Amino acid sequence: MVDGYPVRDKIEYIIAFINEFGKRFGLTDSQAYRYLNTYGAIKNIDKHYGALHTQDFRGNVEDVATYCRRMGGQL
């Protein structure tokens, strides 16, 4: 357990998130991971997992894309 959540659940969510982010922006999973990691989104998703995993996935993808743009991303 990490932060009160099973590690496996957090990992599965982050992997699914990377996949959905990649689909939304036409990236491979590897490209999506590198982009999200470069702009600090993976750490942010991990940190806020408690709230994120209860919300709409598509909305979260758009919110994280906005976060990445604020951090210098171009997607």
N, C-alpha and C. Protein backbone atom coordinates (compact mmCIF):
# COMPACT_ATOMS: atom_id res chain seq x y z
N MET A 1 0.83 -1.18 0.00
CA MET A 1 0.00 0.00 0.00
C MET A 1 0.88 1.25 0.00
N VAL A 2 0.49 2.21 -0.81
CA VAL A 2 1.16 3.50 -0.86
C VAL A 2 0.07 4.56 -0.73
N ASP A 3 0.23 5.45 0.21
CA ASP A 3 -0.77 6.51 0.44
C ASP A 3 -2.17 5.93 0.64
N GLY A 4 -2.26 4.72 1.19
CA GLY A 4 -3.55 4.10 1.44
C GLY A 4 -4.15 3.37 0.25
N TYR A 5 -3.42 3.30 -0.86
CA TYR A 5 -3.92 2.63 -2.06
C TYR A 5 -2.97 1.50 -2.43
N PRO A 6 -3.50 0.38 -2.92
CA PRO A 6 -2.63 -0.70 -3.38
C PRO A 6 -1.73 -0.22 -4.53
N VAL A 7 -0.46 -0.55 -4.46
CA VAL A 7 0.50 -0.14 -5.48
C VAL A 7 0.04 -0.62 -6.85
N ARG A 8 -0.44 -1.83 -6.92
CA ARG A 8 -0.89 -2.41 -8.20
C ARG A 8 -1.98 -1.54 -8.84
N ASP A 9 -2.92 -1.05 -8.02
CA ASP A 9 -4.00 -0.21 -8.56
C ASP A 9 -3.44 1.08 -9.16
N LYS A 10 -2.50 1.69 -8.46
CA LYS A 10 -1.90 2.93 -8.95
C LYS A 10 -1.14 2.69 -10.25
N ILE A 11 -0.38 1.61 -10.29
CA ILE A 11 0.40 1.29 -11.49
C ILE A 11 -0.53 1.03 -12.67
N GLU A 12 -1.56 0.24 -12.44
CA GLU A 12 -2.51 -0.06 -13.52
C GLU A 12 -3.19 1.21 -14.03
N TYR A 13 -3.54 2.10 -13.13
CA TYR A 13 -4.17 3.36 -13.53
C TYR A 13 -3.21 4.20 -14.37
N ILE A 14 -1.97 4.32 -13.93
CA ILE A 14 -0.99 5.14 -14.65
C ILE A 14 -0.72 4.55 -16.04
N ILE A 15 -0.61 3.23 -16.14
CA ILE A 15 -0.41 2.59 -17.44
C ILE A 15 -1.60 2.86 -18.36
N ALA A 16 -2.81 2.70 -17.83
CA ALA A 16 -4.01 2.96 -18.63
C ALA A 16 -4.06 4.43 -19.04
N PHE A 17 -3.67 5.31 -18.13
CA PHE A 17 -3.67 6.74 -18.43
C PHE A 17 -2.72 7.05 -19.57
N ILE A 18 -1.51 6.50 -19.51
CA ILE A 18 -0.51 6.71 -20.57
C ILE A 18 -1.08 6.25 -21.90
N ASN A 19 -1.72 5.09 -21.90
CA ASN A 19 -2.30 4.55 -23.12
C ASN A 19 -3.38 5.47 -23.68
N GLU A 20 -4.27 5.93 -22.84
CA GLU A 20 -5.35 6.83 -23.28
C GLU A 20 -4.81 8.18 -23.74
N PHE A 21 -3.81 8.68 -23.05
CA PHE A 21 -3.19 9.94 -23.45
C PHE A 21 -2.58 9.78 -24.84
N GLY A 22 -1.89 8.67 -25.05
CA GLY A 22 -1.30 8.41 -26.36
C GLY A 22 -2.35 8.33 -27.45
N LYS A 23 -3.45 7.64 -27.20
CA LYS A 23 -4.53 7.55 -28.19
C LYS A 23 -5.08 8.94 -28.51
N ARG A 24 -5.28 9.74 -27.49
CA ARG A 24 -5.85 11.09 -27.69
C ARG A 24 -4.97 11.96 -28.56
N PHE A 25 -3.65 11.82 -28.42
CA PHE A 25 -2.74 12.70 -29.13
C PHE A 25 -1.94 11.99 -30.23
N GLY A 26 -2.33 10.78 -30.58
CA GLY A 26 -1.69 10.07 -31.67
C GLY A 26 -0.25 9.68 -31.38
N LEU A 27 0.02 9.29 -30.16
CA LEU A 27 1.37 8.90 -29.75
C LEU A 27 1.40 7.42 -29.40
N THR A 28 2.57 6.82 -29.54
CA THR A 28 2.74 5.46 -29.03
C THR A 28 2.77 5.54 -27.51
N ASP A 29 2.66 4.40 -26.87
CA ASP A 29 2.74 4.39 -25.41
C ASP A 29 4.08 4.94 -24.93
N SER A 30 5.15 4.58 -25.63
CA SER A 30 6.48 5.07 -25.25
C SER A 30 6.58 6.59 -25.40
N GLN A 31 6.08 7.10 -26.49
CA GLN A 31 6.10 8.55 -26.70
C GLN A 31 5.26 9.27 -25.65
N ALA A 32 4.08 8.72 -25.36
CA ALA A 32 3.21 9.33 -24.36
C ALA A 32 3.89 9.33 -22.99
N TYR A 33 4.51 8.21 -22.64
CA TYR A 33 5.21 8.13 -21.35
C TYR A 33 6.31 9.18 -21.28
N ARG A 34 7.14 9.26 -22.31
CA ARG A 34 8.24 10.23 -22.30
C ARG A 34 7.72 11.66 -22.18
N TYR A 35 6.67 11.98 -22.92
CA TYR A 35 6.09 13.33 -22.86
C TYR A 35 5.58 13.62 -21.45
N LEU A 36 4.76 12.72 -20.92
CA LEU A 36 4.19 12.93 -19.60
C LEU A 36 5.27 13.00 -18.52
N ASN A 37 6.28 12.18 -18.65
CA ASN A 37 7.37 12.19 -17.67
C ASN A 37 8.19 13.48 -17.77
N THR A 38 8.44 13.92 -18.99
CA THR A 38 9.23 15.14 -19.20
C THR A 38 8.60 16.34 -18.51
N TYR A 39 7.28 16.44 -18.55
CA TYR A 39 6.60 17.60 -18.00
C TYR A 39 6.03 17.37 -16.59
N GLY A 40 6.47 16.31 -15.93
CA GLY A 40 6.12 16.07 -14.54
C GLY A 40 4.73 15.51 -14.30
N ALA A 41 4.06 15.10 -15.36
CA ALA A 41 2.68 14.64 -15.20
C ALA A 41 2.58 13.28 -14.51
N ILE A 42 3.55 12.39 -14.72
CA ILE A 42 3.50 11.08 -14.09
C ILE A 42 3.53 11.24 -12.57
N LYS A 43 4.44 12.07 -12.08
CA LYS A 43 4.52 12.32 -10.63
C LYS A 43 3.24 12.96 -10.13
N ASN A 44 2.68 13.85 -10.91
CA ASN A 44 1.44 14.53 -10.53
C ASN A 44 0.27 13.55 -10.48
N ILE A 45 0.20 12.67 -11.45
CA ILE A 45 -0.86 11.65 -11.47
C ILE A 45 -0.71 10.74 -10.25
N ASP A 46 0.51 10.32 -9.96
CA ASP A 46 0.76 9.48 -8.80
C ASP A 46 0.35 10.21 -7.51
N LYS A 47 0.73 11.46 -7.41
CA LYS A 47 0.44 12.25 -6.21
C LYS A 47 -1.06 12.43 -5.99
N HIS A 48 -1.81 12.61 -7.07
CA HIS A 48 -3.24 12.91 -6.97
C HIS A 48 -4.13 11.73 -7.38
N TYR A 49 -3.56 10.54 -7.35
CA TYR A 49 -4.30 9.34 -7.72
C TYR A 49 -5.63 9.22 -6.98
N GLY A 50 -5.62 9.53 -5.70
CA GLY A 50 -6.83 9.40 -4.89
C GLY A 50 -8.03 10.11 -5.48
N ALA A 51 -7.82 11.27 -6.04
CA ALA A 51 -8.92 12.02 -6.66
C ALA A 51 -9.10 11.62 -8.13
N LEU A 52 -8.00 11.47 -8.84
CA LEU A 52 -8.09 11.21 -10.28
C LEU A 52 -8.82 9.91 -10.62
N HIS A 53 -8.55 8.86 -9.87
CA HIS A 53 -9.14 7.57 -10.26
C HIS A 53 -10.64 7.52 -10.05
N THR A 54 -11.21 8.54 -9.43
CA THR A 54 -12.66 8.58 -9.23
C THR A 54 -13.37 9.46 -10.26
N GLN A 55 -12.59 10.10 -11.13
CA GLN A 55 -13.17 11.03 -12.10
C GLN A 55 -13.14 10.46 -13.51
N ASP A 56 -13.79 11.17 -14.41
CA ASP A 56 -13.87 10.79 -15.81
C ASP A 56 -12.48 10.77 -16.45
N PHE A 57 -12.14 9.66 -17.08
CA PHE A 57 -10.83 9.47 -17.68
C PHE A 57 -10.54 10.51 -18.76
N ARG A 58 -11.50 10.74 -19.65
CA ARG A 58 -11.29 11.70 -20.74
C ARG A 58 -11.03 13.10 -20.21
N GLY A 59 -11.78 13.48 -19.22
CA GLY A 59 -11.58 14.79 -18.61
C GLY A 59 -10.20 14.89 -17.97
N ASN A 60 -9.76 13.82 -17.33
CA ASN A 60 -8.43 13.81 -16.72
C ASN A 60 -7.34 13.95 -17.77
N VAL A 61 -7.51 13.28 -18.91
CA VAL A 61 -6.52 13.38 -19.99
C VAL A 61 -6.40 14.84 -20.44
N GLU A 62 -7.54 15.50 -20.62
CA GLU A 62 -7.51 16.90 -21.05
C GLU A 62 -6.89 17.79 -19.98
N ASP A 63 -7.21 17.53 -18.72
CA ASP A 63 -6.64 18.32 -17.62
C ASP A 63 -5.12 18.15 -17.54
N VAL A 64 -4.66 16.92 -17.70
CA VAL A 64 -3.22 16.67 -17.66
C VAL A 64 -2.54 17.29 -18.87
N ALA A 65 -3.18 17.27 -20.02
CA ALA A 65 -2.62 17.92 -21.21
C ALA A 65 -2.46 19.42 -20.95
N THR A 66 -3.44 20.02 -20.32
CA THR A 66 -3.36 21.44 -19.95
C THR A 66 -2.21 21.67 -18.98
N TYR A 67 -2.08 20.80 -18.00
CA TYR A 67 -0.97 20.90 -17.03
C TYR A 67 0.37 20.85 -17.77
N CYS A 68 0.51 19.90 -18.69
CA CYS A 68 1.77 19.76 -19.44
C CYS A 68 2.05 21.00 -20.26
N ARG A 69 1.02 21.60 -20.86
CA ARG A 69 1.22 22.83 -21.63
C ARG A 69 1.73 23.95 -20.72
N ARG A 70 1.18 24.03 -19.52
CA ARG A 70 1.66 25.04 -18.57
C ARG A 70 3.11 24.82 -18.18
N MET A 71 3.54 23.56 -18.27
CA MET A 71 4.92 23.21 -17.90
C MET A 71 5.86 23.26 -19.11
N GLY A 72 5.33 23.69 -20.28
CA GLY A 72 6.16 23.84 -21.46
C GLY A 72 5.88 22.87 -22.60
N GLY A 73 4.94 21.95 -22.40
CA GLY A 73 4.59 20.98 -23.45
C GLY A 73 3.88 21.65 -24.61
N GLN A 74 3.93 21.00 -25.75
CA GLN A 74 3.35 21.58 -26.96
C GLN A 74 2.12 20.86 -27.50
N LEU A 75 1.66 19.80 -26.82
CA LEU A 75 0.48 19.08 -27.33
C LEU A 75 -0.80 19.75 -26.89
